[in-house]
Structure formats: C-alpha cells, structure tokens
C-alpha cells in the first residue's frame, strides 16, 4: 500500500499501473457521490470511481484505501469550478492527481 503523498512525490514510478493507495478522506462528491479526495502529508489525489461502478456516502470521513491507477490531469477552468461546486466548496487545483479506482475500503469514523 502506498500513501498518496509518496505516490505523488514519485509520480513516474507509480503512474499508469494498478496499485493500492491510502489517505484520509477530505472531500466527497455531494451531487452523485462518485468521487472522493484522499490526502496524506499535504498531498492530495482525487479518486474517481471507475465506470461509476460504486458510490460512497456523502458524509464519509476517516482513512481509506483504494485500488486503482494514478494519473495527472490538467483541468479547464470550468472543470475546476464544477469540482469545487460538487464537493464541499474546498479549493481545487487546475492540475490534479487522480486515481481511477476499481475498489475502495473505508475506515469510517463513528458519528458523535
């Protein structure tokens, strides 16, 4: 398992092949529950769920592990705004790291 921060720091070593990544959930799509953002040591990656095959609850938090393929994507201004609006209003970079995931395991934090 590779923390998101290590994957981003050594992008060329990790990109383009299925691997297991980990991080803390910082944002979840509030519209369709079809993506989440994982953070580790200040680095983030947006996790897109391959073919919308699965969704996660809007209020998901805590740590997560995903199996997927890492890439880097440049977003147009309208895509940046769309991602910001569909999330919790957090800042979105015009260049982001993405993991297209085939599966996810959430370590949810109990409410209260």
PDB file of N, CA and C in Angstrom:
ATOM      1  N   UNK A   1       0.841  -1.168   0.000  1.00  0.00           N
ATOM      2  CA  UNK A   1       0.000   0.000   0.000  1.00  0.00           C
ATOM      3  C   UNK A   1       0.892   1.240   0.000  1.00  0.00           C
ATOM      4  N   UNK A   2       0.527   2.230  -0.802  1.00  0.00           N
ATOM      5  CA  UNK A   2       1.333   3.422  -0.982  1.00  0.00           C
ATOM      6  C   UNK A   2       0.541   4.647  -0.522  1.00  0.00           C
ATOM      7  N   UNK A   3       1.045   5.412   0.444  1.00  0.00           N
ATOM      8  CA  UNK A   3       0.375   6.648   0.830  1.00  0.00           C
ATOM      9  C   UNK A   3       0.333   7.610  -0.362  1.00  0.00           C
ATOM     10  N   UNK A   4      -0.741   8.380  -0.466  1.00  0.00           N
ATOM     11  CA  UNK A   4      -0.916   9.326  -1.572  1.00  0.00           C
ATOM     12  C   UNK A   4       0.303  10.244  -1.685  1.00  0.00           C
ATOM     13  N   UNK A   5       0.846  10.698  -0.567  1.00  0.00           N
ATOM     14  CA  UNK A   5       1.992  11.616  -0.616  1.00  0.00           C
ATOM     15  C   UNK A   5       3.189  10.967  -1.306  1.00  0.00           C
ATOM     16  N   UNK A   6       3.450   9.708  -1.044  1.00  0.00           N
ATOM     17  CA  UNK A   6       4.567   9.013  -1.693  1.00  0.00           C
ATOM     18  C   UNK A   6       4.294   8.797  -3.177  1.00  0.00           C
ATOM     19  N   UNK A   7       3.052   8.498  -3.521  1.00  0.00           N
ATOM     20  CA  UNK A   7       2.690   8.277  -4.926  1.00  0.00           C
ATOM     21  C   UNK A   7       2.873   9.545  -5.745  1.00  0.00           C
ATOM     22  N   UNK A   8       2.458  10.688  -5.187  1.00  0.00           N
ATOM     23  CA  UNK A   8       2.592  11.960  -5.894  1.00  0.00           C
ATOM     24  C   UNK A   8       4.065  12.356  -5.994  1.00  0.00           C
ATOM     25  N   UNK A   9       4.821  12.176  -4.912  1.00  0.00           N
ATOM     26  CA  UNK A   9       6.243  12.541  -4.903  1.00  0.00           C
ATOM     27  C   UNK A   9       7.046  11.728  -5.924  1.00  0.00           C
ATOM     28  N   UNK A  10       6.675  10.492  -6.134  1.00  0.00           N
ATOM     29  CA  UNK A  10       7.366   9.624  -7.099  1.00  0.00           C
ATOM     30  C   UNK A  10       6.388   9.233  -8.206  1.00  0.00           C
ATOM     31  N   UNK A  11       5.730  10.240  -8.755  1.00  0.00           N
ATOM     32  CA  UNK A  11       4.655  10.028  -9.733  1.00  0.00           C
ATOM     33  C   UNK A  11       5.057   9.081 -10.860  1.00  0.00           C
ATOM     34  N   UNK A  12       6.208   9.309 -11.475  1.00  0.00           N
ATOM     35  CA  UNK A  12       6.615   8.495 -12.628  1.00  0.00           C
ATOM     36  C   UNK A  12       6.759   7.016 -12.277  1.00  0.00           C
ATOM     37  N   UNK A  13       7.102   6.702 -11.040  1.00  0.00           N
ATOM     38  CA  UNK A  13       7.242   5.303 -10.619  1.00  0.00           C
ATOM     39  C   UNK A  13       5.891   4.623 -10.425  1.00  0.00           C
ATOM     40  N   UNK A  14       4.872   5.412 -10.079  1.00  0.00           N
ATOM     41  CA  UNK A  14       3.587   4.817  -9.698  1.00  0.00           C
ATOM     42  C   UNK A  14       2.484   4.959 -10.743  1.00  0.00           C
ATOM     43  N   UNK A  15       2.611   5.895 -11.644  1.00  0.00           N
ATOM     44  CA  UNK A  15       1.544   6.182 -12.601  1.00  0.00           C
ATOM     45  C   UNK A  15       1.342   5.048 -13.599  1.00  0.00           C
ATOM     46  N   UNK A  16       0.086   4.894 -14.019  1.00  0.00           N
ATOM     47  CA  UNK A  16      -0.231   4.022 -15.138  1.00  0.00           C
ATOM     48  C   UNK A  16      -0.396   2.547 -14.852  1.00  0.00           C
ATOM     49  N   UNK A  17      -0.257   2.133 -13.596  1.00  0.00           N
ATOM     50  CA  UNK A  17      -0.434   0.712 -13.287  1.00  0.00           C
ATOM     51  C   UNK A  17      -1.260   0.568 -12.011  1.00  0.00           C
ATOM     52  N   UNK A  18      -2.080  -0.468 -11.935  1.00  0.00           N
ATOM     53  CA  UNK A  18      -2.931  -0.643 -10.749  1.00  0.00           C
ATOM     54  C   UNK A  18      -2.089  -0.867  -9.489  1.00  0.00           C
ATOM     55  N   UNK A  19      -2.422  -0.106  -8.457  1.00  0.00           N
ATOM     56  CA  UNK A  19      -1.753  -0.230  -7.157  1.00  0.00           C
ATOM     57  C   UNK A  19      -2.753   0.098  -6.060  1.00  0.00           C
ATOM     58  N   UNK A  20      -2.335  -0.134  -4.833  1.00  0.00           N
ATOM     59  CA  UNK A  20      -3.175   0.163  -3.664  1.00  0.00           C
ATOM     60  C   UNK A  20      -2.648   1.431  -3.007  1.00  0.00           C
ATOM     61  N   UNK A  21      -3.516   2.438  -2.860  1.00  0.00           N
ATOM     62  CA  UNK A  21      -3.161   3.739  -2.303  1.00  0.00           C
ATOM     63  C   UNK A  21      -3.967   4.000  -1.029  1.00  0.00           C
ATOM     64  N   UNK A  22      -3.400   4.843  -0.158  1.00  0.00           N
ATOM     65  CA  UNK A  22      -4.099   5.162   1.086  1.00  0.00           C
ATOM     66  C   UNK A  22      -4.026   6.653   1.376  1.00  0.00           C
ATOM     67  N   UNK A  23      -4.977   7.119   2.164  1.00  0.00           N
ATOM     68  CA  UNK A  23      -5.007   8.509   2.597  1.00  0.00           C
ATOM     69  C   UNK A  23      -6.229   8.766   3.450  1.00  0.00           C
ATOM     70  N   UNK A  24      -6.385  10.031   3.827  1.00  0.00           N
ATOM     71  CA  UNK A  24      -7.515  10.470   4.651  1.00  0.00           C
ATOM     72  C   UNK A  24      -8.521  11.154   3.734  1.00  0.00           C
ATOM     73  N   UNK A  25      -9.789  10.818   3.873  1.00  0.00           N
ATOM     74  CA  UNK A  25     -10.841  11.421   3.050  1.00  0.00           C
ATOM     75  C   UNK A  25     -11.035  12.875   3.482  1.00  0.00           C
ATOM     76  N   UNK A  26     -10.867  13.815   2.530  1.00  0.00           N
ATOM     77  CA  UNK A  26     -11.069  15.228   2.844  1.00  0.00           C
ATOM     78  C   UNK A  26     -12.272  15.827   2.127  1.00  0.00           C
ATOM     79  N   UNK A  27     -12.742  15.176   1.074  1.00  0.00           N
ATOM     80  CA  UNK A  27     -13.885  15.694   0.319  1.00  0.00           C
ATOM     81  C   UNK A  27     -14.559  14.533  -0.394  1.00  0.00           C
ATOM     82  N   UNK A  28     -15.873  14.664  -0.586  1.00  0.00           N
ATOM     83  CA  UNK A  28     -16.668  13.658  -1.295  1.00  0.00           C
ATOM     84  C   UNK A  28     -17.651  14.403  -2.185  1.00  0.00           C
ATOM     85  N   UNK A  29     -17.873  13.896  -3.385  1.00  0.00           N
ATOM     86  CA  UNK A  29     -18.866  14.486  -4.286  1.00  0.00           C
ATOM     87  C   UNK A  29     -20.210  14.542  -3.570  1.00  0.00           C
ATOM     88  N   UNK A  30     -20.749  15.743  -3.461  1.00  0.00           N
ATOM     89  CA  UNK A  30     -22.028  15.918  -2.785  1.00  0.00           C
ATOM     90  C   UNK A  30     -23.213  15.779  -3.742  1.00  0.00           C
ATOM     91  N   UNK A  31     -22.944  15.716  -5.052  1.00  0.00           N
ATOM     92  CA  UNK A  31     -24.006  15.605  -6.047  1.00  0.00           C
ATOM     93  C   UNK A  31     -24.361  14.146  -6.325  1.00  0.00           C
ATOM     94  N   UNK A  32     -23.349  13.345  -6.698  1.00  0.00           N
ATOM     95  CA  UNK A  32     -23.620  11.969  -7.090  1.00  0.00           C
ATOM     96  C   UNK A  32     -22.823  10.943  -6.291  1.00  0.00           C
ATOM     97  N   UNK A  33     -21.994  11.405  -5.330  1.00  0.00           N
ATOM     98  CA  UNK A  33     -21.179  10.509  -4.502  1.00  0.00           C
ATOM     99  C   UNK A  33     -20.230   9.669  -5.352  1.00  0.00           C
ATOM    100  N   UNK A  34     -19.740  10.246  -6.457  1.00  0.00           N
ATOM    101  CA  UNK A  34     -18.972   9.468  -7.437  1.00  0.00           C
ATOM    102  C   UNK A  34     -17.470   9.715  -7.375  1.00  0.00           C
ATOM    103  N   UNK A  35     -16.988  10.525  -6.436  1.00  0.00           N
ATOM    104  CA  UNK A  35     -15.555  10.706  -6.245  1.00  0.00           C
ATOM    105  C   UNK A  35     -15.289  11.110  -4.799  1.00  0.00           C
ATOM    106  N   UNK A  36     -14.017  10.984  -4.416  1.00  0.00           N
ATOM    107  CA  UNK A  36     -13.572  11.487  -3.113  1.00  0.00           C
ATOM    108  C   UNK A  36     -12.145  11.975  -3.279  1.00  0.00           C
ATOM    109  N   UNK A  37     -11.697  12.783  -2.339  1.00  0.00           N
ATOM    110  CA  UNK A  37     -10.324  13.263  -2.345  1.00  0.00           C
ATOM    111  C   UNK A  37      -9.618  12.636  -1.153  1.00  0.00           C
ATOM    112  N   UNK A  38      -8.456  12.035  -1.432  1.00  0.00           N
ATOM    113  CA  UNK A  38      -7.625  11.482  -0.371  1.00  0.00           C
ATOM    114  C   UNK A  38      -6.435  12.400  -0.153  1.00  0.00           C
ATOM    115  N   UNK A  39      -6.069  12.593   1.121  1.00  0.00           N
ATOM    116  CA  UNK A  39      -4.943  13.446   1.484  1.00  0.00           C
ATOM    117  C   UNK A  39      -3.996  12.661   2.364  1.00  0.00           C
ATOM    118  N   UNK A  40      -2.707  12.906   2.181  1.00  0.00           N
ATOM    119  CA  UNK A  40      -1.689  12.335   3.056  1.00  0.00           C
ATOM    120  C   UNK A  40      -0.506  13.286   3.059  1.00  0.00           C
ATOM    121  N   UNK A  41      -0.126  13.738   4.239  1.00  0.00           N
ATOM    122  CA  UNK A  41       1.058  14.584   4.407  1.00  0.00           C
ATOM    123  C   UNK A  41       1.043  15.791   3.466  1.00  0.00           C
ATOM    124  N   UNK A  42      -0.131  16.411   3.303  1.00  0.00           N
ATOM    125  CA  UNK A  42      -0.247  17.618   2.492  1.00  0.00           C
ATOM    126  C   UNK A  42      -0.467  17.407   1.007  1.00  0.00           C
ATOM    127  N   UNK A  43      -0.374  16.188   0.518  1.00  0.00           N
ATOM    128  CA  UNK A  43      -0.603  15.894  -0.893  1.00  0.00           C
ATOM    129  C   UNK A  43      -1.995  15.277  -1.065  1.00  0.00           C
ATOM    130  N   UNK A  44      -2.641  15.589  -2.175  1.00  0.00           N
ATOM    131  CA  UNK A  44      -3.979  15.055  -2.426  1.00  0.00           C
ATOM    132  C   UNK A  44      -4.065  14.370  -3.776  1.00  0.00           C
ATOM    133  N   UNK A  45      -5.054  13.488  -3.876  1.00  0.00           N
ATOM    134  CA  UNK A  45      -5.407  12.851  -5.145  1.00  0.00           C
ATOM    135  C   UNK A  45      -6.920  12.666  -5.157  1.00  0.00           C
ATOM    136  N   UNK A  46      -7.533  13.004  -6.270  1.00  0.00           N
ATOM    137  CA  UNK A  46      -8.976  12.793  -6.420  1.00  0.00           C
ATOM    138  C   UNK A  46      -9.181  11.356  -6.890  1.00  0.00           C
ATOM    139  N   UNK A  47     -10.035  10.630  -6.210  1.00  0.00           N
ATOM    140  CA  UNK A  47     -10.334   9.247  -6.560  1.00  0.00           C
ATOM    141  C   UNK A  47     -11.667   9.222  -7.296  1.00  0.00           C
ATOM    142  N   UNK A  48     -11.603   8.829  -8.559  1.00  0.00           N
ATOM    143  CA  UNK A  48     -12.802   8.691  -9.378  1.00  0.00           C
ATOM    144  C   UNK A  48     -13.159   7.209  -9.391  1.00  0.00           C
ATOM    145  N   UNK A  49     -14.430   6.901  -9.294  1.00  0.00           N
ATOM    146  CA  UNK A  49     -14.851   5.506  -9.237  1.00  0.00           C
ATOM    147  C   UNK A  49     -15.112   5.005 -10.655  1.00  0.00           C
ATOM    148  N   UNK A  50     -14.301   4.049 -11.081  1.00  0.00           N
ATOM    149  CA  UNK A  50     -14.317   3.556 -12.456  1.00  0.00           C
ATOM    150  C   UNK A  50     -15.723   3.166 -12.904  1.00  0.00           C
ATOM    151  N   UNK A  51     -16.132   3.748 -14.026  1.00  0.00           N
ATOM    152  CA  UNK A  51     -17.448   3.471 -14.627  1.00  0.00           C
ATOM    153  C   UNK A  51     -18.605   3.726 -13.675  1.00  0.00           C
ATOM    154  N   UNK A  52     -18.383   4.571 -12.648  1.00  0.00           N
ATOM    155  CA  UNK A  52     -19.416   4.834 -11.627  1.00  0.00           C
ATOM    156  C   UNK A  52     -19.952   3.526 -11.056  1.00  0.00           C
ATOM    157  N   UNK A  53     -19.072   2.520 -10.965  1.00  0.00           N
ATOM    158  CA  UNK A  53     -19.478   1.177 -10.534  1.00  0.00           C
ATOM    159  C   UNK A  53     -19.856   1.123  -9.055  1.00  0.00           C
ATOM    160  N   UNK A  54     -19.381   2.079  -8.276  1.00  0.00           N
ATOM    161  CA  UNK A  54     -19.755   2.126  -6.862  1.00  0.00           C
ATOM    162  C   UNK A  54     -19.742   3.574  -6.398  1.00  0.00           C
ATOM    163  N   UNK A  55     -20.399   3.841  -5.311  1.00  0.00           N
ATOM    164  CA  UNK A  55     -20.509   5.174  -4.729  1.00  0.00           C
ATOM    165  C   UNK A  55     -20.185   5.084  -3.247  1.00  0.00           C
ATOM    166  N   UNK A  56     -19.885   6.231  -2.639  1.00  0.00           N
ATOM    167  CA  UNK A  56     -19.680   6.249  -1.193  1.00  0.00           C
ATOM    168  C   UNK A  56     -20.595   7.313  -0.594  1.00  0.00           C
ATOM    169  N   UNK A  57     -20.956   7.181   0.674  1.00  0.00           N
ATOM    170  CA  UNK A  57     -21.832   8.177   1.300  1.00  0.00           C
ATOM    171  C   UNK A  57     -21.198   9.569   1.303  1.00  0.00           C
ATOM    172  N   UNK A  58     -22.038  10.594   1.153  1.00  0.00           N
ATOM    173  CA  UNK A  58     -21.587  11.984   1.113  1.00  0.00           C
ATOM    174  C   UNK A  58     -20.849  12.409   2.370  1.00  0.00           C
ATOM    175  N   UNK A  59     -21.173  11.797   3.488  1.00  0.00           N
ATOM    176  CA  UNK A  59     -20.568  12.209   4.756  1.00  0.00           C
ATOM    177  C   UNK A  59     -19.387  11.322   5.161  1.00  0.00           C
ATOM    178  N   UNK A  60     -18.824  10.577   4.221  1.00  0.00           N
ATOM    179  CA  UNK A  60     -17.682   9.705   4.525  1.00  0.00           C
ATOM    180  C   UNK A  60     -16.499  10.526   5.031  1.00  0.00           C
ATOM    181  N   UNK A  61     -15.814   9.974   6.015  1.00  0.00           N
ATOM    182  CA  UNK A  61     -14.615  10.604   6.554  1.00  0.00           C
ATOM    183  C   UNK A  61     -13.714   9.500   7.095  1.00  0.00           C
ATOM    184  N   UNK A  62     -12.539   9.872   7.565  1.00  0.00           N
ATOM    185  CA  UNK A  62     -11.609   8.878   8.064  1.00  0.00           C
ATOM    186  C   UNK A  62     -10.634   8.459   6.987  1.00  0.00           C
ATOM    187  N   UNK A  63      -9.979   7.346   7.183  1.00  0.00           N
ATOM    188  CA  UNK A  63      -8.970   6.855   6.247  1.00  0.00           C
ATOM    189  C   UNK A  63      -9.613   5.922   5.224  1.00  0.00           C
ATOM    190  N   UNK A  64      -8.957   5.820   4.078  1.00  0.00           N
ATOM    191  CA  UNK A  64      -9.452   4.930   3.027  1.00  0.00           C
ATOM    192  C   UNK A  64      -8.271   4.346   2.266  1.00  0.00           C
ATOM    193  N   UNK A  65      -8.507   3.188   1.700  1.00  0.00           N
ATOM    194  CA  UNK A  65      -7.562   2.546   0.793  1.00  0.00           C
ATOM    195  C   UNK A  65      -8.310   2.272  -0.496  1.00  0.00           C
ATOM    196  N   UNK A  66      -7.645   2.526  -1.614  1.00  0.00           N
ATOM    197  CA  UNK A  66      -8.261   2.285  -2.913  1.00  0.00           C
ATOM    198  C   UNK A  66      -7.296   1.515  -3.799  1.00  0.00           C
ATOM    199  N   UNK A  67      -7.846   0.746  -4.711  1.00  0.00           N
ATOM    200  CA  UNK A  67      -7.048   0.060  -5.723  1.00  0.00           C
ATOM    201  C   UNK A  67      -7.382   0.727  -7.044  1.00  0.00           C
ATOM    202  N   UNK A  68      -6.357   1.283  -7.685  1.00  0.00           N
ATOM    203  CA  UNK A  68      -6.609   1.976  -8.932  1.00  0.00           C
ATOM    204  C   UNK A  68      -5.335   2.404  -9.619  1.00  0.00           C
ATOM    205  N   UNK A  69      -5.515   3.229 -10.656  1.00  0.00           N
ATOM    206  CA  UNK A  69      -4.420   3.682 -11.492  1.00  0.00           C
ATOM    207  C   UNK A  69      -4.265   5.192 -11.329  1.00  0.00           C
ATOM    208  N   UNK A  70      -3.042   5.614 -11.007  1.00  0.00           N
ATOM    209  CA  UNK A  70      -2.716   7.022 -10.781  1.00  0.00           C
ATOM    210  C   UNK A  70      -2.403   7.720 -12.100  1.00  0.00           C
ATOM    211  N   UNK A  71      -2.914   8.961 -12.238  1.00  0.00           N
ATOM    212  CA  UNK A  71      -2.593   9.791 -13.404  1.00  0.00           C
ATOM    213  C   UNK A  71      -2.556  11.256 -12.948  1.00  0.00           C
ATOM    214  N   UNK A  72      -2.147  12.129 -13.859  1.00  0.00           N
ATOM    215  CA  UNK A  72      -2.138  13.563 -13.593  1.00  0.00           C
ATOM    216  C   UNK A  72      -3.024  14.193 -14.657  1.00  0.00           C
ATOM    217  N   UNK A  73      -3.901  15.098 -14.254  1.00  0.00           N
ATOM    218  CA  UNK A  73      -4.864  15.678 -15.192  1.00  0.00           C
ATOM    219  C   UNK A  73      -4.872  17.191 -15.049  1.00  0.00           C
ATOM    220  N   UNK A  74      -4.851  17.865 -16.190  1.00  0.00           N
ATOM    221  CA  UNK A  74      -4.983  19.318 -16.209  1.00  0.00           C
ATOM    222  C   UNK A  74      -6.454  19.642 -16.432  1.00  0.00           C
ATOM    223  N   UNK A  75      -7.009  20.468 -15.556  1.00  0.00           N
ATOM    224  CA  UNK A  75      -8.430  20.798 -15.616  1.00  0.00           C
ATOM    225  C   UNK A  75      -8.641  22.180 -16.235  1.00  0.00           C
ATOM    226  N   UNK A  76      -9.668  22.288 -17.065  1.00  0.00           N
ATOM    227  CA  UNK A  76     -10.080  23.577 -17.602  1.00  0.00           C
ATOM    228  C   UNK A  76     -10.756  24.362 -16.476  1.00  0.00           C
ATOM    229  N   UNK A  77     -10.792  25.695 -16.567  1.00  0.00           N
ATOM    230  CA  UNK A  77     -11.412  26.492 -15.501  1.00  0.00           C
ATOM    231  C   UNK A  77     -12.827  26.044 -15.143  1.00  0.00           C
ATOM    232  N   UNK A  78     -13.623  25.657 -16.152  1.00  0.00           N
ATOM    233  CA  UNK A  78     -14.998  25.224 -15.856  1.00  0.00           C
ATOM    234  C   UNK A  78     -15.013  23.890 -15.102  1.00  0.00           C
ATOM    235  N   UNK A  79     -14.025  23.021 -15.367  1.00  0.00           N
ATOM    236  CA  UNK A  79     -13.928  21.765 -14.623  1.00  0.00           C
ATOM    237  C   UNK A  79     -13.529  22.024 -13.170  1.00  0.00           C
ATOM    238  N   UNK A  80     -12.618  22.967 -12.944  1.00  0.00           N
ATOM    239  CA  UNK A  80     -12.220  23.336 -11.585  1.00  0.00           C
ATOM    240  C   UNK A  80     -13.445  23.804 -10.808  1.00  0.00           C
ATOM    241  N   UNK A  81     -14.230  24.681 -11.417  1.00  0.00           N
ATOM    242  CA  UNK A  81     -15.423  25.214 -10.756  1.00  0.00           C
ATOM    243  C   UNK A  81     -16.447  24.111 -10.498  1.00  0.00           C
ATOM    244  N   UNK A  82     -16.631  23.220 -11.464  1.00  0.00           N
ATOM    245  CA  UNK A  82     -17.582  22.115 -11.314  1.00  0.00           C
ATOM    246  C   UNK A  82     -17.186  21.224 -10.138  1.00  0.00           C
ATOM    247  N   UNK A  83     -15.900  20.864 -10.037  1.00  0.00           N
ATOM    248  CA  UNK A  83     -15.434  20.008  -8.938  1.00  0.00           C
ATOM    249  C   UNK A  83     -15.603  20.707  -7.590  1.00  0.00           C
ATOM    250  N   UNK A  84     -15.312  22.020  -7.561  1.00  0.00           N
ATOM    251  CA  UNK A  84     -15.455  22.776  -6.314  1.00  0.00           C
ATOM    252  C   UNK A  84     -16.925  22.810  -5.879  1.00  0.00           C
ATOM    253  N   UNK A  85     -17.822  23.057  -6.834  1.00  0.00           N
ATOM    254  CA  UNK A  85     -19.251  23.137  -6.518  1.00  0.00           C
ATOM    255  C   UNK A  85     -19.828  21.785  -6.105  1.00  0.00           C
ATOM    256  N   UNK A  86     -19.380  20.693  -6.744  1.00  0.00           N
ATOM    257  CA  UNK A  86     -19.905  19.369  -6.409  1.00  0.00           C
ATOM    258  C   UNK A  86     -19.336  18.831  -5.095  1.00  0.00           C
ATOM    259  N   UNK A  87     -18.248  19.397  -4.650  1.00  0.00           N
ATOM    260  CA  UNK A  87     -17.648  18.984  -3.381  1.00  0.00           C
ATOM    261  C   UNK A  87     -18.178  19.833  -2.251  1.00  0.00           C
ATOM    262  N   UNK A  88     -17.348  20.017  -1.259  1.00  0.00           N
ATOM    263  CA  UNK A  88     -17.726  20.787  -0.076  1.00  0.00           C
ATOM    264  C   UNK A  88     -17.267  22.232  -0.173  1.00  0.00           C
ATOM    265  N   UNK A  89     -16.938  22.680  -1.383  1.00  0.00           N
ATOM    266  CA  UNK A  89     -16.511  24.058  -1.591  1.00  0.00           C
ATOM    267  C   UNK A  89     -15.030  24.286  -1.358  1.00  0.00           C
ATOM    268  N   UNK A  90     -14.253  23.223  -1.193  1.00  0.00           N
ATOM    269  CA  UNK A  90     -12.819  23.352  -0.967  1.00  0.00           C
ATOM    270  C   UNK A  90     -12.110  23.753  -2.256  1.00  0.00           C
ATOM    271  N   UNK A  91     -10.935  24.330  -2.126  1.00  0.00           N
ATOM    272  CA  UNK A  91     -10.150  24.737  -3.294  1.00  0.00           C
ATOM    273  C   UNK A  91      -9.824  23.522  -4.162  1.00  0.00           C
ATOM    274  N   UNK A  92      -9.807  23.737  -5.465  1.00  0.00           N
ATOM    275  CA  UNK A  92      -9.471  22.694  -6.433  1.00  0.00           C
ATOM    276  C   UNK A  92      -8.357  23.236  -7.318  1.00  0.00           C
ATOM    277  N   UNK A  93      -7.286  22.481  -7.461  1.00  0.00           N
ATOM    278  CA  UNK A  93      -6.153  22.886  -8.283  1.00  0.00           C
ATOM    279  C   UNK A  93      -6.452  22.646  -9.759  1.00  0.00           C
ATOM    280  N   UNK A  94      -5.825  23.447 -10.623  1.00  0.00           N
ATOM    281  CA  UNK A  94      -6.037  23.262 -12.062  1.00  0.00           C
ATOM    282  C   UNK A  94      -5.270  22.043 -12.596  1.00  0.00           C
ATOM    283  N   UNK A  95      -4.290  21.565 -11.830  1.00  0.00           N
ATOM    284  CA  UNK A  95      -3.606  20.314 -12.158  1.00  0.00           C
ATOM    285  C   UNK A  95      -3.758  19.416 -10.941  1.00  0.00           C
ATOM    286  N   UNK A  96      -4.368  18.260 -11.159  1.00  0.00           N
ATOM    287  CA  UNK A  96      -4.588  17.380 -10.016  1.00  0.00           C
ATOM    288  C   UNK A  96      -4.135  15.965 -10.329  1.00  0.00           C
ATOM    289  N   UNK A  97      -3.844  15.263  -9.265  1.00  0.00           N
ATOM    290  CA  UNK A  97      -3.516  13.845  -9.363  1.00  0.00           C
ATOM    291  C   UNK A  97      -4.818  13.081  -9.197  1.00  0.00           C
ATOM    292  N   UNK A  98      -4.990  12.051 -10.003  1.00  0.00           N
ATOM    293  CA  UNK A  98      -6.228  11.263  -9.974  1.00  0.00           C
ATOM    294  C   UNK A  98      -5.909   9.794  -9.873  1.00  0.00           C
ATOM    295  N   UNK A  99      -6.791   9.107  -9.173  1.00  0.00           N
ATOM    296  CA  UNK A  99      -6.729   7.653  -9.129  1.00  0.00           C
ATOM    297  C   UNK A  99      -8.081   7.161  -9.622  1.00  0.00           C
ATOM    298  N   UNK A 100      -8.092   6.407 -10.706  1.00  0.00           N
ATOM    299  CA  UNK A 100      -9.329   5.789 -11.173  1.00  0.00           C
ATOM    300  C   UNK A 100      -9.386   4.435 -10.473  1.00  0.00           C
ATOM    301  N   UNK A 101     -10.319   4.335  -9.532  1.00  0.00           N
ATOM    302  CA  UNK A 101     -10.359   3.184  -8.635  1.00  0.00           C
ATOM    303  C   UNK A 101     -11.360   2.130  -9.068  1.00  0.00           C
ATOM    304  N   UNK A 102     -10.953   0.886  -8.867  1.00  0.00           N
ATOM    305  CA  UNK A 102     -11.838  -0.255  -9.102  1.00  0.00           C
ATOM    306  C   UNK A 102     -12.445  -0.746  -7.799  1.00  0.00           C
ATOM    307  N   UNK A 103     -11.923  -0.270  -6.685  1.00  0.00           N
ATOM    308  CA  UNK A 103     -12.448  -0.667  -5.389  1.00  0.00           C
ATOM    309  C   UNK A 103     -11.931   0.251  -4.305  1.00  0.00           C
ATOM    310  N   UNK A 104     -12.666   0.319  -3.200  1.00  0.00           N
ATOM    311  CA  UNK A 104     -12.274   1.169  -2.081  1.00  0.00           C
ATOM    312  C   UNK A 104     -12.678   0.504  -0.781  1.00  0.00           C
ATOM    313  N   UNK A 105     -11.856   0.725   0.226  1.00  0.00           N
ATOM    314  CA  UNK A 105     -12.154   0.253   1.576  1.00  0.00           C
ATOM    315  C   UNK A 105     -12.063   1.449   2.497  1.00  0.00           C
ATOM    316  N   UNK A 106     -13.173   1.773   3.164  1.00  0.00           N
ATOM    317  CA  UNK A 106     -13.230   2.933   4.037  1.00  0.00           C
ATOM    318  C   UNK A 106     -13.131   2.517   5.493  1.00  0.00           C
ATOM    319  N   UNK A 107     -12.316   3.225   6.248  1.00  0.00           N
ATOM    320  CA  UNK A 107     -12.260   3.065   7.694  1.00  0.00           C
ATOM    321  C   UNK A 107     -13.052   4.223   8.272  1.00  0.00           C
ATOM    322  N   UNK A 108     -14.346   4.063   8.367  1.00  0.00           N
ATOM    323  CA  UNK A 108     -15.215   5.165   8.754  1.00  0.00           C
ATOM    324  C   UNK A 108     -15.049   5.550  10.213  1.00  0.00           C
ATOM    325  N   UNK A 109     -15.292   6.825  10.464  1.00  0.00           N
ATOM    326  CA  UNK A 109     -15.223   7.374  11.803  1.00  0.00           C
ATOM    327  C   UNK A 109     -16.634   7.386  12.359  1.00  0.00           C
ATOM    328  N   UNK A 110     -16.867   6.777  13.549  1.00  0.00           N
ATOM    329  CA  UNK A 110     -18.214   6.778  14.113  1.00  0.00           C
ATOM    330  C   UNK A 110     -18.701   8.184  14.418  1.00  0.00           C
ATOM    331  N   UNK A 111     -19.984   8.447  14.201  1.00  0.00           N
ATOM    332  CA  UNK A 111     -20.563   9.752  14.500  1.00  0.00           C
ATOM    333  C   UNK A 111     -20.625   9.954  16.014  1.00  0.00           C
ATOM    334  N   UNK A 112     -20.442  11.222  16.417  1.00  0.00           N
ATOM    335  CA  UNK A 112     -20.601  11.561  17.828  1.00  0.00           C
ATOM    336  C   UNK A 112     -19.363  11.483  18.518  1.00  0.00           C
TER     337      UNK A 112
END
